Amino acid sequence: MSVVGIGVIGAGRIAQAAHLPALARAEGARLVGLCDPSELLARRVSARYEAPGYTSVEEMLDDDAVEAVIVAVPDRLHLPLASQALHAGKHVLVEKPLAGTVEEAEQLQQLAVESGLHLQVGAMKRYDPGVQHAAHAIQNKIGRILSATVWYRVMAGLRPSTEATLFPALVVDQGVRAHEATFKANREQYLLTTHGAHVLDGMRYLLGDPTGLSAQMARADNDLTWHGLANLAEGGLAHFEITANVHAEWSEGADVYGENGYVKLRTHFPFTLKASDVEVFDEASATSERAVFGDSNAYERQIEAFALAIRNDLPDSPSAEDGVAAVKLINAVADSVARGGTKVTL
């Protein structure tokens, strides 16, 4: 497969900690440009990867070596920048969520359809081999789902030191950091959008599209938690939890009970680059299977799948349609909370 030239739009935290190191290792893809409006970030981060640095998106998109882009910027900028790339004839991998609103997500989906270009959403959990193994077992081995629990709990005090250990040294523009902090003042909306995109896309990936949900939120100072109940298409129920933050270790996973068995999934802090632990119990044989994988970089696997989809015209996963569905679920949670936990039909 010929190598796909990829430009990265955004040189902030997620680009430096995840996308750029993964792109440097990914088969079938290579970094051919890095753009950030911060001259400091564009210059210093691009130099680290020996790639052309830009402060103008237009200038980077004019480079024929850039066949595709990774959009690694705050979600309020996903629509304008992803649209600009698609209009320039570039394939797009956009960080989750697809966009900040359902309307914007649907605009991007329609633009991708009209352009015939690839638009993949950066919900990289789908490229964790353990999560993939669990999804296959849920859909093929344990029968109709009666009960499921899916959770995502972000650690509080342990997170800074953990990230300092696992992250590469980050280049920081303090002016940009201060500016972005103003957009995170609505903590409830910011956290639900940021973390809900993972949980709710993951729930769809494992269990299918819910037909309805209800949710409530609780707060203790700056710590927030959302708990909800989703109705599954075949009649089962799924409880989901999104908590930011817990004063404990990272906790993420799923317990899924079907008519023929059980799947237990435990996912690690993403920057450990370890595949999730997964166990599948089959009642008929009274045996449990525990899959074992080597450590895995889901960000790297995500980029490799993106490049493969471009070269072989394969379906995108998650697709723009998946991205729209995830944003709709985020909105449904917020709507249910605002109405005191009233059920929202989907």
C-alpha atoms as a PDB file:
ATOM      1  CA  MET A   1       0.000   0.000   0.000  1.00  0.00           C
ATOM      2  CA  SER A   2       1.382   3.415  -0.908  1.00  0.00           C
ATOM      3  CA  VAL A   3       1.826   5.719   2.050  1.00  0.00           C
ATOM      4  CA  VAL A   4      -0.882   8.327   2.724  1.00  0.00           C
ATOM      5  CA  GLY A   5       0.474  11.810   3.409  1.00  0.00           C
ATOM      6  CA  ILE A   6      -1.305  13.232   6.452  1.00  0.00           C
ATOM      7  CA  GLY A   7      -1.323  16.779   7.789  1.00  0.00           C
ATOM      8  CA  VAL A   8      -2.314  17.493  11.377  1.00  0.00           C
ATOM      9  CA  ILE A   9      -4.439  20.543  12.194  1.00  0.00           C
ATOM     10  CA  GLY A  10      -3.835  21.495  15.820  1.00  0.00           C
ATOM     11  CA  ALA A  11      -0.619  21.067  17.806  1.00  0.00           C
ATOM     12  CA  GLY A  12      -2.078  21.080  21.301  1.00  0.00           C
ATOM     13  CA  ARG A  13      -2.259  18.472  24.049  1.00  0.00           C
ATOM     14  CA  ILE A  14      -4.088  15.641  22.248  1.00  0.00           C
ATOM     15  CA  ALA A  15      -2.014  16.045  19.086  1.00  0.00           C
ATOM     16  CA  GLN A  16       1.280  15.963  20.990  1.00  0.00           C
ATOM     17  CA  ALA A  17       0.316  13.219  23.444  1.00  0.00           C
ATOM     18  CA  ALA A  18      -1.534  10.902  21.056  1.00  0.00           C
ATOM     19  CA  HIS A  19      -1.836  11.624  17.348  1.00  0.00           C
ATOM     20  CA  LEU A  20       1.689  12.720  16.460  1.00  0.00           C
ATOM     21  CA  PRO A  21       3.508   9.866  18.273  1.00  0.00           C
ATOM     22  CA  ALA A  22       1.023   7.403  16.757  1.00  0.00           C
ATOM     23  CA  LEU A  23       1.424   8.851  13.266  1.00  0.00           C
ATOM     24  CA  ALA A  24       5.198   8.550  13.571  1.00  0.00           C
ATOM     25  CA  ARG A  25       4.773   4.786  14.036  1.00  0.00           C
ATOM     26  CA  ALA A  26       1.743   4.034  11.861  1.00  0.00           C
ATOM     27  CA  GLU A  27       2.123   1.808   8.815  1.00  0.00           C
ATOM     28  CA  GLY A  28       0.765   3.244   5.577  1.00  0.00           C
ATOM     29  CA  ALA A  29       0.769   6.862   6.760  1.00  0.00           C
ATOM     30  CA  ARG A  30       3.291   9.621   7.333  1.00  0.00           C
ATOM     31  CA  LEU A  31       3.255  13.158   8.669  1.00  0.00           C
ATOM     32  CA  VAL A  32       3.719  15.714   5.884  1.00  0.00           C
ATOM     33  CA  GLY A  33       2.617  18.891   7.647  1.00  0.00           C
ATOM     34  CA  LEU A  34       1.522  20.370  10.976  1.00  0.00           C
ATOM     35  CA  CYS A  35      -0.598  23.495  11.351  1.00  0.00           C
ATOM     36  CA  ASP A  36      -1.448  25.588  14.384  1.00  0.00           C
ATOM     37  CA  PRO A  37      -2.278  29.306  14.602  1.00  0.00           C
ATOM     38  CA  SER A  38       0.213  29.538  17.470  1.00  0.00           C
ATOM     39  CA  GLU A  39       3.589  30.271  15.898  1.00  0.00           C
ATOM     40  CA  LEU A  40       5.275  28.770  18.956  1.00  0.00           C
ATOM     41  CA  LEU A  41       3.427  25.453  18.651  1.00  0.00           C
ATOM     42  CA  ALA A  42       3.672  25.263  14.868  1.00  0.00           C
ATOM     43  CA  ARG A  43       7.420  25.917  14.893  1.00  0.00           C
ATOM     44  CA  ARG A  44       8.559  23.843  17.854  1.00  0.00           C
ATOM     45  CA  VAL A  45       6.280  20.814  17.463  1.00  0.00           C
ATOM     46  CA  SER A  46       6.840  20.505  13.715  1.00  0.00           C
ATOM     47  CA  ALA A  47      10.592  20.706  14.281  1.00  0.00           C
ATOM     48  CA  ARG A  48      10.365  17.802  16.728  1.00  0.00           C
ATOM     49  CA  TYR A  49       8.869  15.633  13.965  1.00  0.00           C
ATOM     50  CA  GLU A  50      10.970  17.136  11.155  1.00  0.00           C
ATOM     51  CA  ALA A  51       7.857  18.122   9.228  1.00  0.00           C
ATOM     52  CA  PRO A  52       6.791  21.382   7.571  1.00  0.00           C
ATOM     53  CA  GLY A  53       5.107  23.723  10.047  1.00  0.00           C
ATOM     54  CA  TYR A  54       2.300  26.126   9.159  1.00  0.00           C
ATOM     55  CA  THR A  55       0.232  28.759  10.901  1.00  0.00           C
ATOM     56  CA  SER A  56      -2.183  28.927   7.946  1.00  0.00           C
ATOM     57  CA  VAL A  57      -4.570  26.042   7.263  1.00  0.00           C
ATOM     58  CA  GLU A  58      -5.011  27.251   3.693  1.00  0.00           C
ATOM     59  CA  GLU A  59      -1.292  27.064   3.066  1.00  0.00           C
ATOM     60  CA  MET A  60      -1.006  23.512   4.383  1.00  0.00           C
ATOM     61  CA  LEU A  61      -4.049  22.348   2.397  1.00  0.00           C
ATOM     62  CA  ASP A  62      -2.502  23.779  -0.769  1.00  0.00           C
ATOM     63  CA  ASP A  63       0.341  21.270  -0.447  1.00  0.00           C
ATOM     64  CA  ASP A  64      -0.307  18.327  -2.787  1.00  0.00           C
ATOM     65  CA  ALA A  65       1.649  16.060  -0.420  1.00  0.00           C
ATOM     66  CA  VAL A  66      -1.235  16.432   2.072  1.00  0.00           C
ATOM     67  CA  GLU A  67      -3.827  13.856   1.017  1.00  0.00           C
ATOM     68  CA  ALA A  68      -5.649  13.725   4.332  1.00  0.00           C
ATOM     69  CA  VAL A  69      -5.763  15.559   7.646  1.00  0.00           C
ATOM     70  CA  ILE A  70      -6.266  14.810  11.313  1.00  0.00           C
ATOM     71  CA  VAL A  71      -8.346  17.567  12.910  1.00  0.00           C
ATOM     72  CA  ALA A  72      -7.160  17.706  16.529  1.00  0.00           C
ATOM     73  CA  VAL A  73      -8.761  20.898  17.813  1.00  0.00           C
ATOM     74  CA  PRO A  74     -11.617  21.764  20.220  1.00  0.00           C
ATOM     75  CA  ASP A  75     -15.009  20.534  19.038  1.00  0.00           C
ATOM     76  CA  ARG A  76     -16.347  24.062  18.382  1.00  0.00           C
ATOM     77  CA  LEU A  77     -13.816  24.221  15.513  1.00  0.00           C
ATOM     78  CA  HIS A  78     -14.533  20.809  13.995  1.00  0.00           C
ATOM     79  CA  LEU A  79     -17.140  22.021  11.506  1.00  0.00           C
ATOM     80  CA  PRO A  80     -15.196  24.935  10.008  1.00  0.00           C
ATOM     81  CA  LEU A  81     -11.838  23.147   9.809  1.00  0.00           C
ATOM     82  CA  ALA A  82     -13.093  19.728   8.704  1.00  0.00           C
ATOM     83  CA  SER A  83     -15.313  21.435   6.122  1.00  0.00           C
ATOM     84  CA  GLN A  84     -12.366  23.447   4.857  1.00  0.00           C
ATOM     85  CA  ALA A  85     -10.319  20.272   4.443  1.00  0.00           C
ATOM     86  CA  LEU A  86     -13.127  18.418   2.661  1.00  0.00           C
ATOM     87  CA  HIS A  87     -13.700  21.357   0.315  1.00  0.00           C
ATOM     88  CA  ALA A  88      -9.962  21.234  -0.445  1.00  0.00           C
ATOM     89  CA  GLY A  89     -10.304  17.581  -1.476  1.00  0.00           C
ATOM     90  CA  LYS A  90      -8.662  16.098   1.643  1.00  0.00           C
ATOM     91  CA  HIS A  91      -9.875  13.066   3.583  1.00  0.00           C
ATOM     92  CA  VAL A  92     -10.521  13.814   7.266  1.00  0.00           C
ATOM     93  CA  LEU A  93     -10.042  12.047  10.591  1.00  0.00           C
ATOM     94  CA  VAL A  94     -11.670  14.353  13.144  1.00  0.00           C
ATOM     95  CA  GLU A  95     -11.326  14.049  16.902  1.00  0.00           C
ATOM     96  CA  LYS A  96     -14.447  13.036  18.801  1.00  0.00           C
ATOM     97  CA  PRO A  97     -17.133  14.296  18.991  1.00  0.00           C
ATOM     98  CA  LEU A  98     -17.786  14.802  15.287  1.00  0.00           C
ATOM     99  CA  ALA A  99     -19.008  18.340  16.033  1.00  0.00           C
ATOM    100  CA  GLY A 100     -20.349  20.480  18.846  1.00  0.00           C
ATOM    101  CA  THR A 101     -24.015  20.208  17.856  1.00  0.00           C
ATOM    102  CA  VAL A 102     -26.230  17.751  16.001  1.00  0.00           C
ATOM    103  CA  GLU A 103     -26.819  20.299  13.249  1.00  0.00           C
ATOM    104  CA  GLU A 104     -23.077  20.806  12.703  1.00  0.00           C
ATOM    105  CA  ALA A 105     -22.444  17.052  12.775  1.00  0.00           C
ATOM    106  CA  GLU A 106     -25.134  16.504  10.155  1.00  0.00           C
ATOM    107  CA  GLN A 107     -23.602  19.224   7.974  1.00  0.00           C
ATOM    108  CA  LEU A 108     -20.261  17.434   8.051  1.00  0.00           C
ATOM    109  CA  GLN A 109     -21.895  14.098   7.309  1.00  0.00           C
ATOM    110  CA  GLN A 110     -23.678  15.569   4.287  1.00  0.00           C
ATOM    111  CA  LEU A 111     -20.527  17.262   3.038  1.00  0.00           C
ATOM    112  CA  ALA A 112     -18.613  13.985   3.225  1.00  0.00           C
ATOM    113  CA  VAL A 113     -21.343  12.237   1.228  1.00  0.00           C
ATOM    114  CA  GLU A 114     -21.354  14.976  -1.416  1.00  0.00           C
ATOM    115  CA  SER A 115     -17.570  15.065  -1.699  1.00  0.00           C
ATOM    116  CA  GLY A 116     -17.090  11.295  -1.819  1.00  0.00           C
ATOM    117  CA  LEU A 117     -14.207  11.692   0.648  1.00  0.00           C
ATOM    118  CA  HIS A 118     -13.525   9.729   3.807  1.00  0.00           C
ATOM    119  CA  LEU A 119     -14.645  11.253   7.117  1.00  0.00           C
ATOM    120  CA  GLN A 120     -13.694   9.135  10.126  1.00  0.00           C
ATOM    121  CA  VAL A 121     -14.405  10.068  13.750  1.00  0.00           C
ATOM    122  CA  GLY A 122     -11.571   9.738  16.254  1.00  0.00           C
ATOM    123  CA  ALA A 123     -13.302   7.471  18.769  1.00  0.00           C
ATOM    124  CA  MET A 124     -10.138   5.401  19.072  1.00  0.00           C
ATOM    125  CA  LYS A 125     -11.580   3.003  21.677  1.00  0.00           C
ATOM    126  CA  ARG A 126     -13.003   1.046  18.727  1.00  0.00           C
ATOM    127  CA  TYR A 127      -9.407   0.150  17.817  1.00  0.00           C
ATOM    128  CA  ASP A 128      -8.577  -1.339  21.218  1.00  0.00           C
ATOM    129  CA  PRO A 129      -8.255  -5.095  20.459  1.00  0.00           C
ATOM    130  CA  GLY A 130      -9.912  -5.968  23.760  1.00  0.00           C
ATOM    131  CA  VAL A 131     -12.912  -3.774  23.007  1.00  0.00           C
ATOM    132  CA  GLN A 132     -13.139  -5.304  19.523  1.00  0.00           C
ATOM    133  CA  HIS A 133     -12.991  -8.813  21.000  1.00  0.00           C
ATOM    134  CA  ALA A 134     -15.706  -7.933  23.527  1.00  0.00           C
ATOM    135  CA  ALA A 135     -17.952  -6.467  20.808  1.00  0.00           C
ATOM    136  CA  HIS A 136     -17.616  -9.636  18.723  1.00  0.00           C
ATOM    137  CA  ALA A 137     -18.441 -11.845  21.711  1.00  0.00           C
ATOM    138  CA  ILE A 138     -21.449  -9.733  22.698  1.00  0.00           C
ATOM    139  CA  GLN A 139     -22.836  -9.797  19.194  1.00  0.00           C
ATOM    140  CA  ASN A 140     -22.084 -13.447  18.382  1.00  0.00           C
ATOM    141  CA  LYS A 141     -21.671 -15.565  21.519  1.00  0.00           C
ATOM    142  CA  ILE A 142     -23.830 -14.602  24.490  1.00  0.00           C
ATOM    143  CA  GLY A 143     -27.220 -14.173  22.843  1.00  0.00           C
ATOM    144  CA  ARG A 144     -29.827 -11.507  23.476  1.00  0.00           C
ATOM    145  CA  ILE A 145     -28.740  -8.934  26.066  1.00  0.00           C
ATOM    146  CA  LEU A 146     -30.817  -8.625  29.220  1.00  0.00           C
ATOM    147  CA  SER A 147     -28.610  -6.368  31.339  1.00  0.00           C
ATOM    148  CA  ALA A 148     -25.510  -4.261  30.781  1.00  0.00           C
ATOM    149  CA  THR A 149     -23.492  -1.683  32.678  1.00  0.00           C
ATOM    150  CA  VAL A 150     -21.039   0.657  30.972  1.00  0.00           C
ATOM    151  CA  TRP A 151     -18.912   3.174  32.882  1.00  0.00           C
ATOM    152  CA  TYR A 152     -16.144   5.751  32.449  1.00  0.00           C
ATOM    153  CA  ARG A 153     -14.628   7.329  35.563  1.00  0.00           C
ATOM    154  CA  VAL A 154     -11.891   9.913  35.166  1.00  0.00           C
ATOM    155  CA  MET A 155      -9.341  10.055  37.974  1.00  0.00           C
ATOM    156  CA  ALA A 156      -8.832  13.380  39.757  1.00  0.00           C
ATOM    157  CA  GLY A 157      -5.662  13.802  41.823  1.00  0.00           C
ATOM    158  CA  LEU A 158      -3.828  10.877  40.210  1.00  0.00           C
ATOM    159  CA  ARG A 159      -4.272  12.133  36.662  1.00  0.00           C
ATOM    160  CA  PRO A 160      -1.597  14.887  36.481  1.00  0.00           C
ATOM    161  CA  SER A 161       1.225  12.689  37.753  1.00  0.00           C
ATOM    162  CA  THR A 162       0.079   9.746  35.608  1.00  0.00           C
ATOM    163  CA  GLU A 163       0.033  11.902  32.494  1.00  0.00           C
ATOM    164  CA  ALA A 164       3.412  13.408  33.374  1.00  0.00           C
ATOM    165  CA  THR A 165       4.807   9.871  33.437  1.00  0.00           C
ATOM    166  CA  LEU A 166       3.192   8.683  30.200  1.00  0.00           C
ATOM    167  CA  PHE A 167       3.121  11.793  28.019  1.00  0.00           C
ATOM    168  CA  PRO A 168       6.050  13.040  25.970  1.00  0.00           C
ATOM    169  CA  ALA A 169       7.336  16.465  27.013  1.00  0.00           C
ATOM    170  CA  LEU A 170       4.656  18.869  25.803  1.00  0.00           C
ATOM    171  CA  VAL A 171       5.234  22.225  24.148  1.00  0.00           C
ATOM    172  CA  VAL A 172       2.792  24.674  25.778  1.00  0.00           C
ATOM    173  CA  ASP A 173       1.694  28.107  24.602  1.00  0.00           C
ATOM    174  CA  GLN A 174       0.412  29.692  27.815  1.00  0.00           C
ATOM    175  CA  GLY A 175      -1.616  32.270  25.892  1.00  0.00           C
ATOM    176  CA  VAL A 176      -3.464  29.530  24.028  1.00  0.00           C
ATOM    177  CA  ARG A 177      -4.024  27.581  27.239  1.00  0.00           C
ATOM    178  CA  ALA A 178      -5.534  30.618  28.975  1.00  0.00           C
ATOM    179  CA  HIS A 179      -7.751  31.353  25.979  1.00  0.00           C
ATOM    180  CA  GLU A 180      -9.057  27.783  25.788  1.00  0.00           C
ATOM    181  CA  ALA A 181      -9.840  27.761  29.514  1.00  0.00           C
ATOM    182  CA  THR A 182     -12.542  30.358  28.904  1.00  0.00           C
ATOM    183  CA  PHE A 183     -14.426  27.874  26.721  1.00  0.00           C
ATOM    184  CA  LYS A 184     -14.383  25.272  29.510  1.00  0.00           C
ATOM    185  CA  ALA A 185     -16.125  27.525  32.033  1.00  0.00           C
ATOM    186  CA  ASN A 186     -19.411  25.670  31.473  1.00  0.00           C
ATOM    187  CA  ARG A 187     -17.964  22.585  33.116  1.00  0.00           C
ATOM    188  CA  GLU A 188     -21.154  20.547  32.863  1.00  0.00           C
ATOM    189  CA  GLN A 189     -21.458  20.926  29.103  1.00  0.00           C
ATOM    190  CA  TYR A 190     -17.734  20.547  28.483  1.00  0.00           C
ATOM    191  CA  LEU A 191     -17.334  17.331  30.489  1.00  0.00           C
ATOM    192  CA  LEU A 192     -20.485  15.680  29.184  1.00  0.00           C
ATOM    193  CA  THR A 193     -19.469  16.391  25.588  1.00  0.00           C
ATOM    194  CA  THR A 194     -15.821  15.408  26.025  1.00  0.00           C
ATOM    195  CA  HIS A 195     -16.284  12.196  27.998  1.00  0.00           C
ATOM    196  CA  GLY A 196     -19.803  11.334  26.882  1.00  0.00           C
ATOM    197  CA  ALA A 197     -18.540  10.965  23.317  1.00  0.00           C
ATOM    198  CA  HIS A 198     -16.425   7.983  24.414  1.00  0.00           C
ATOM    199  CA  VAL A 199     -19.013   6.338  26.649  1.00  0.00           C
ATOM    200  CA  LEU A 200     -21.996   6.718  24.361  1.00  0.00           C
ATOM    201  CA  ASP A 201     -20.194   5.729  21.166  1.00  0.00           C
ATOM    202  CA  GLY A 202     -18.779   2.751  23.073  1.00  0.00           C
ATOM    203  CA  MET A 203     -22.235   1.746  24.263  1.00  0.00           C
ATOM    204  CA  ARG A 204     -23.520   1.837  20.673  1.00  0.00           C
ATOM    205  CA  TYR A 205     -20.511  -0.140  19.448  1.00  0.00           C
ATOM    206  CA  LEU A 206     -21.022  -2.881  22.039  1.00  0.00           C
ATOM    207  CA  LEU A 207     -24.802  -2.991  22.368  1.00  0.00           C
ATOM    208  CA  GLY A 208     -26.332  -1.346  19.314  1.00  0.00           C
ATOM    209  CA  ASP A 209     -28.532   1.732  19.090  1.00  0.00           C
ATOM    210  CA  PRO A 210     -30.749   2.345  22.127  1.00  0.00           C
ATOM    211  CA  THR A 211     -34.393   3.173  21.530  1.00  0.00           C
ATOM    212  CA  GLY A 212     -34.617   5.577  24.454  1.00  0.00           C
ATOM    213  CA  LEU A 213     -32.802   6.765  27.558  1.00  0.00           C
ATOM    214  CA  SER A 214     -33.195   8.692  30.774  1.00  0.00           C
ATOM    215  CA  ALA A 215     -30.442  10.327  32.833  1.00  0.00           C
ATOM    216  CA  GLN A 216     -29.711  12.327  35.961  1.00  0.00           C
ATOM    217  CA  MET A 217     -26.681  14.299  37.073  1.00  0.00           C
ATOM    218  CA  ALA A 218     -25.133  14.939  40.497  1.00  0.00           C
ATOM    219  CA  ARG A 219     -22.371  17.336  41.488  1.00  0.00           C
ATOM    220  CA  ALA A 220     -19.912  17.619  44.382  1.00  0.00           C
ATOM    221  CA  ASP A 221     -18.020  20.878  43.908  1.00  0.00           C
ATOM    222  CA  ASN A 222     -16.167  20.438  40.588  1.00  0.00           C
ATOM    223  CA  ASP A 223     -16.840  16.709  40.342  1.00  0.00           C
ATOM    224  CA  LEU A 224     -19.800  15.671  38.207  1.00  0.00           C
ATOM    225  CA  THR A 225     -21.471  12.362  37.484  1.00  0.00           C
ATOM    226  CA  TRP A 226     -24.153  11.344  35.019  1.00  0.00           C
ATOM    227  CA  HIS A 227     -26.077   8.099  35.450  1.00  0.00           C
ATOM    228  CA  GLY A 228     -28.530   6.891  32.870  1.00  0.00           C
ATOM    229  CA  LEU A 229     -30.663   3.985  31.749  1.00  0.00           C
ATOM    230  CA  ALA A 230     -30.870   3.058  28.076  1.00  0.00           C
ATOM    231  CA  ASN A 231     -33.484   0.828  26.466  1.00  0.00           C
ATOM    232  CA  LEU A 232     -31.901  -1.679  24.072  1.00  0.00           C
ATOM    233  CA  ALA A 233     -33.502  -2.612  20.759  1.00  0.00           C
ATOM    234  CA  GLU A 234     -34.186  -6.224  21.786  1.00  0.00           C
ATOM    235  CA  GLY A 235     -35.716  -5.276  25.120  1.00  0.00           C
ATOM    236  CA  GLY A 236     -32.757  -5.278  27.498  1.00  0.00           C
ATOM    237  CA  LEU A 237     -31.570  -2.449  29.724  1.00  0.00           C
ATOM    238  CA  ALA A 238     -28.162  -0.790  29.931  1.00  0.00           C
ATOM    239  CA  HIS A 239     -26.991   1.426  32.761  1.00  0.00           C
ATOM    240  CA  PHE A 240     -24.321   3.954  31.838  1.00  0.00           C
ATOM    241  CA  GLU A 241     -22.160   6.199  34.010  1.00  0.00           C
ATOM    242  CA  ILE A 242     -19.929   9.143  33.117  1.00  0.00           C
ATOM    243  CA  THR A 243     -18.010  10.553  36.091  1.00  0.00           C
ATOM    244  CA  ALA A 244     -15.445  13.349  36.065  1.00  0.00           C
ATOM    245  CA  ASN A 245     -13.838  13.083  38.468  1.00  0.00           C
ATOM    246  CA  VAL A 246     -13.350  10.203  40.914  1.00  0.00           C
ATOM    247  CA  HIS A 247     -10.817  10.445  43.731  1.00  0.00           C
ATOM    248  CA  ALA A 248      -9.420   7.028  42.960  1.00  0.00           C
ATOM    249  CA  GLU A 249      -7.728   5.165  40.139  1.00  0.00           C
ATOM    250  CA  TRP A 250      -8.985   5.280  36.546  1.00  0.00           C
ATOM    251  CA  SER A 251     -11.996   3.010  36.051  1.00  0.00           C
ATOM    252  CA  GLU A 252     -13.583   2.135  32.735  1.00  0.00           C
ATOM    253  CA  GLY A 253     -15.370  -0.948  31.504  1.00  0.00           C
ATOM    254  CA  ALA A 254     -18.514  -2.892  30.796  1.00  0.00           C
ATOM    255  CA  ASP A 255     -20.380  -5.891  32.203  1.00  0.00           C
ATOM    256  CA  VAL A 256     -22.796  -7.430  29.719  1.00  0.00           C
ATOM    257  CA  TYR A 257     -25.175 -10.297  30.531  1.00  0.00           C
ATOM    258  CA  GLY A 258     -26.842 -12.215  27.718  1.00  0.00           C
ATOM    259  CA  GLU A 259     -29.115 -15.217  27.607  1.00  0.00           C
ATOM    260  CA  ASN A 260     -26.157 -17.543  26.982  1.00  0.00           C
ATOM    261  CA  GLY A 261     -23.323 -15.972  28.953  1.00  0.00           C
ATOM    262  CA  TYR A 262     -21.449 -12.909  30.108  1.00  0.00           C
ATOM    263  CA  VAL A 263     -18.749 -10.512  28.866  1.00  0.00           C
ATOM    264  CA  LYS A 264     -16.502  -8.622  31.277  1.00  0.00           C
ATOM    265  CA  LEU A 265     -14.487  -5.726  29.828  1.00  0.00           C
ATOM    266  CA  ARG A 266     -11.937  -3.616  31.716  1.00  0.00           C
ATOM    267  CA  THR A 267     -10.245  -0.751  29.891  1.00  0.00           C
ATOM    268  CA  HIS A 268      -7.028   0.922  31.008  1.00  0.00           C
ATOM    269  CA  PHE A 269      -6.106   4.615  31.055  1.00  0.00           C
ATOM    270  CA  PRO A 270      -5.679   5.212  27.310  1.00  0.00           C
ATOM    271  CA  PHE A 271      -2.116   6.509  27.369  1.00  0.00           C
ATOM    272  CA  THR A 272      -0.822   3.274  28.896  1.00  0.00           C
ATOM    273  CA  LEU A 273      -1.402   1.905  25.346  1.00  0.00           C
ATOM    274  CA  LYS A 274      -2.573  -1.430  26.770  1.00  0.00           C
ATOM    275  CA  ALA A 275      -5.358  -3.479  25.257  1.00  0.00           C
ATOM    276  CA  SER A 276      -8.429  -3.898  27.431  1.00  0.00           C
ATOM    277  CA  ASP A 277      -8.816  -7.031  29.542  1.00  0.00           C
ATOM    278  CA  VAL A 278     -11.774  -9.104  28.401  1.00  0.00           C
ATOM    279  CA  GLU A 279     -13.356 -12.304  29.674  1.00  0.00           C
ATOM    280  CA  VAL A 280     -16.179 -14.246  27.990  1.00  0.00           C
ATOM    281  CA  PHE A 281     -18.216 -16.795  29.951  1.00  0.00           C
ATOM    282  CA  ASP A 282     -20.177 -19.483  28.080  1.00  0.00           C
ATOM    283  CA  GLU A 283     -22.876 -21.018  30.255  1.00  0.00           C
ATOM    284  CA  ALA A 284     -23.436 -24.141  28.121  1.00  0.00           C
ATOM    285  CA  SER A 285     -19.836 -25.306  28.492  1.00  0.00           C
ATOM    286  CA  ALA A 286     -19.339 -23.696  31.921  1.00  0.00           C
ATOM    287  CA  THR A 287     -16.071 -22.214  30.674  1.00  0.00           C
ATOM    288  CA  SER A 288     -14.526 -18.760  30.622  1.00  0.00           C
ATOM    289  CA  GLU A 289     -12.235 -17.484  27.899  1.00  0.00           C
ATOM    290  CA  ARG A 290      -9.788 -14.701  28.754  1.00  0.00           C
ATOM    291  CA  ALA A 291      -8.277 -13.096  25.687  1.00  0.00           C
ATOM    292  CA  VAL A 292      -4.670 -11.885  25.958  1.00  0.00           C
ATOM    293  CA  PHE A 293      -3.223  -9.188  23.718  1.00  0.00           C
ATOM    294  CA  GLY A 294       0.087  -7.419  23.578  1.00  0.00           C
ATOM    295  CA  ASP A 295       0.111  -3.769  24.544  1.00  0.00           C
ATOM    296  CA  SER A 296      -1.665  -1.864  21.803  1.00  0.00           C
ATOM    297  CA  ASN A 297      -1.721   1.751  20.635  1.00  0.00           C
ATOM    298  CA  ALA A 298      -5.338   2.368  19.675  1.00  0.00           C
ATOM    299  CA  TYR A 299      -4.391   5.782  18.250  1.00  0.00           C
ATOM    300  CA  GLU A 300      -1.873   4.129  15.934  1.00  0.00           C
ATOM    301  CA  ARG A 301      -4.332   1.418  14.865  1.00  0.00           C
ATOM    302  CA  GLN A 302      -6.935   4.113  14.218  1.00  0.00           C
ATOM    303  CA  ILE A 303      -4.613   5.990  11.843  1.00  0.00           C
ATOM    304  CA  GLU A 304      -3.641   2.774  10.080  1.00  0.00           C
ATOM    305  CA  ALA A 305      -7.335   1.954   9.512  1.00  0.00           C
ATOM    306  CA  PHE A 306      -7.903   5.494   8.208  1.00  0.00           C
ATOM    307  CA  ALA A 307      -5.050   5.139   5.701  1.00  0.00           C
ATOM    308  CA  LEU A 308      -6.243   1.679   4.661  1.00  0.00           C
ATOM    309  CA  ALA A 309      -9.784   2.975   4.114  1.00  0.00           C
ATOM    310  CA  ILE A 310      -8.441   5.748   1.888  1.00  0.00           C
ATOM    311  CA  ARG A 311      -6.239   3.479  -0.218  1.00  0.00           C
ATOM    312  CA  ASN A 312      -8.773   0.650  -0.581  1.00  0.00           C
ATOM    313  CA  ASP A 313     -12.011   2.662  -0.402  1.00  0.00           C
ATOM    314  CA  LEU A 314     -13.183   0.792   2.693  1.00  0.00           C
ATOM    315  CA  PRO A 315     -15.940   1.939   5.074  1.00  0.00           C
ATOM    316  CA  ASP A 316     -14.966   4.397   7.794  1.00  0.00           C
ATOM    317  CA  SER A 317     -15.244   3.338  11.432  1.00  0.00           C
ATOM    318  CA  PRO A 318     -16.539   5.209  13.270  1.00  0.00           C
ATOM    319  CA  SER A 319     -18.264   6.766  10.277  1.00  0.00           C
ATOM    320  CA  ALA A 320     -19.813  10.209  10.028  1.00  0.00           C
ATOM    321  CA  GLU A 321     -23.155   8.488  10.643  1.00  0.00           C
ATOM    322  CA  ASP A 322     -21.744   7.033  13.865  1.00  0.00           C
ATOM    323  CA  GLY A 323     -20.488  10.490  14.792  1.00  0.00           C
ATOM    324  CA  VAL A 324     -23.925  12.039  14.332  1.00  0.00           C
ATOM    325  CA  ALA A 325     -25.510   9.268  16.416  1.00  0.00           C
ATOM    326  CA  ALA A 326     -23.061   9.866  19.288  1.00  0.00           C
ATOM    327  CA  VAL A 327     -23.789  13.617  19.337  1.00  0.00           C
ATOM    328  CA  LYS A 328     -27.524  12.864  19.375  1.00  0.00           C
ATOM    329  CA  LEU A 329     -27.028  10.625  22.408  1.00  0.00           C
ATOM    330  CA  ILE A 330     -25.037  13.335  24.210  1.00  0.00           C
ATOM    331  CA  ASN A 331     -27.888  15.747  23.532  1.00  0.00           C
ATOM    332  CA  ALA A 332     -30.450  13.206  24.730  1.00  0.00           C
ATOM    333  CA  VAL A 333     -28.594  12.825  28.040  1.00  0.00           C
ATOM    334  CA  ALA A 334     -28.457  16.599  28.508  1.00  0.00           C
ATOM    335  CA  ASP A 335     -32.137  16.905  27.578  1.00  0.00           C
ATOM    336  CA  SER A 336     -33.203  14.203  30.018  1.00  0.00           C
ATOM    337  CA  VAL A 337     -31.159  15.771  32.837  1.00  0.00           C
ATOM    338  CA  ALA A 338     -32.688  19.187  32.134  1.00  0.00           C
ATOM    339  CA  ARG A 339     -36.170  17.624  32.393  1.00  0.00           C
ATOM    340  CA  GLY A 340     -35.520  15.886  35.710  1.00  0.00           C
ATOM    341  CA  GLY A 341     -34.712  12.474  34.309  1.00  0.00           C
ATOM    342  CA  THR A 342     -37.598  12.226  31.863  1.00  0.00           C
ATOM    343  CA  LYS A 343     -37.186   9.478  29.280  1.00  0.00           C
ATOM    344  CA  VAL A 344     -36.112  10.643  25.827  1.00  0.00           C
ATOM    345  CA  THR A 345     -37.235   8.522  22.861  1.00  0.00           C
ATOM    346  CA  LEU A 346     -34.598   8.070  20.178  1.00  0.00           C
END
